[in-house]
């Protein structure tokens, strides 16, 4: 997996080598929720896949336009939300 944006928290441990599949623990760390939020603050997360022509679904589902890496990240995000 390759991260498109650099880590903004310099105290976070470095990411795994970009040319190998990340473990579930590494994905969970990369997509972790903030450790602490001020009272009354909410956290919103979004994940999106699309095709080159801008489609976000095929026959009402996003899975046909997703690759294995997309599905691993989606599963990680769902697991962190639960």
Protein backbone atom coordinates (compact mmCIF):
# COMPACT_ATOMS: atom_id res chain seq x y z
CA UNK A 1 0.00 0.00 0.00
CA UNK A 2 1.19 3.50 -0.69
CA UNK A 3 0.00 6.44 1.35
CA UNK A 4 -0.93 9.44 -0.77
CA UNK A 5 -0.61 11.90 2.07
CA UNK A 6 2.25 12.05 4.60
CA UNK A 7 1.67 11.36 8.26
CA UNK A 8 0.98 14.69 9.97
CA UNK A 9 1.68 13.45 13.49
CA UNK A 10 5.45 13.13 13.78
CA UNK A 11 5.12 11.00 16.93
CA UNK A 12 3.40 8.25 14.95
CA UNK A 13 5.59 5.31 14.06
CA UNK A 14 6.71 5.09 10.46
CA UNK A 15 4.59 3.28 7.91
CA UNK A 16 5.44 -0.14 6.57
CA UNK A 17 7.49 -0.54 3.43
CA UNK A 18 5.33 0.76 0.58
CA UNK A 19 5.87 -2.21 -1.73
CA UNK A 20 4.41 -4.94 0.45
CA UNK A 21 0.98 -5.73 1.83
CA UNK A 22 0.40 -4.06 5.18
CA UNK A 23 -0.72 -6.19 8.12
CA UNK A 24 -4.13 -5.56 9.68
CA UNK A 25 -2.38 -4.03 12.70
CA UNK A 26 -0.47 -1.61 10.46
CA UNK A 27 -3.68 -0.64 8.67
CA UNK A 28 -5.46 -0.13 11.99
CA UNK A 29 -2.62 2.12 13.18
CA UNK A 30 -2.62 4.12 9.93
CA UNK A 31 -6.40 4.67 10.12
CA UNK A 32 -6.70 5.00 13.92
CA UNK A 33 -9.08 7.54 15.39
CA UNK A 34 -7.54 10.52 17.20
CA UNK A 35 -6.50 9.61 20.73
CA UNK A 36 -8.43 12.43 22.38
CA UNK A 37 -10.96 14.94 21.15
CA UNK A 38 -12.14 18.05 22.99
CA UNK A 39 -15.54 17.69 24.66
CA UNK A 40 -18.40 18.26 22.24
CA UNK A 41 -16.23 17.45 19.22
CA UNK A 42 -17.25 14.80 16.72
CA UNK A 43 -15.15 12.74 14.34
CA UNK A 44 -16.27 11.93 10.81
CA UNK A 45 -14.51 9.51 8.52
CA UNK A 46 -15.17 8.84 4.83
CA UNK A 47 -13.74 6.33 2.39
CA UNK A 48 -14.41 6.39 -1.33
CA UNK A 49 -13.43 4.54 -4.48
CA UNK A 50 -14.22 5.65 -8.00
CA UNK A 51 -13.39 4.83 -11.59
CA UNK A 52 -11.46 7.02 -14.01
CA UNK A 53 -14.74 8.30 -15.44
CA UNK A 54 -15.95 9.27 -11.95
CA UNK A 55 -18.37 6.41 -11.28
CA UNK A 56 -18.68 5.49 -7.60
CA UNK A 57 -20.72 2.34 -8.15
CA UNK A 58 -21.65 -0.36 -10.66
CA UNK A 59 -25.18 -1.76 -10.54
CA UNK A 60 -25.69 -0.06 -7.17
CA UNK A 61 -22.60 -1.54 -5.49
CA UNK A 62 -19.04 -0.28 -5.01
CA UNK A 63 -17.46 -3.75 -4.72
CA UNK A 64 -17.19 -4.34 -8.51
CA UNK A 65 -14.98 -1.24 -8.87
CA UNK A 66 -12.85 -2.05 -5.80
CA UNK A 67 -9.59 -3.98 -5.67
CA UNK A 68 -8.36 -6.23 -2.86
CA UNK A 69 -6.52 -3.31 -1.18
CA UNK A 70 -9.70 -1.20 -1.23
CA UNK A 71 -11.63 -4.01 0.42
CA UNK A 72 -8.96 -4.51 3.13
CA UNK A 73 -9.07 -0.81 3.98
CA UNK A 74 -12.88 -0.81 3.97
CA UNK A 75 -12.88 -3.82 6.31
CA UNK A 76 -10.35 -2.12 8.60
CA UNK A 77 -12.45 1.05 8.77
CA UNK A 78 -15.58 -0.97 9.55
CA UNK A 79 -13.72 -2.86 12.27
CA UNK A 80 -12.43 0.35 13.86
CA UNK A 81 -15.94 1.84 13.83
CA UNK A 82 -17.45 -1.12 15.71
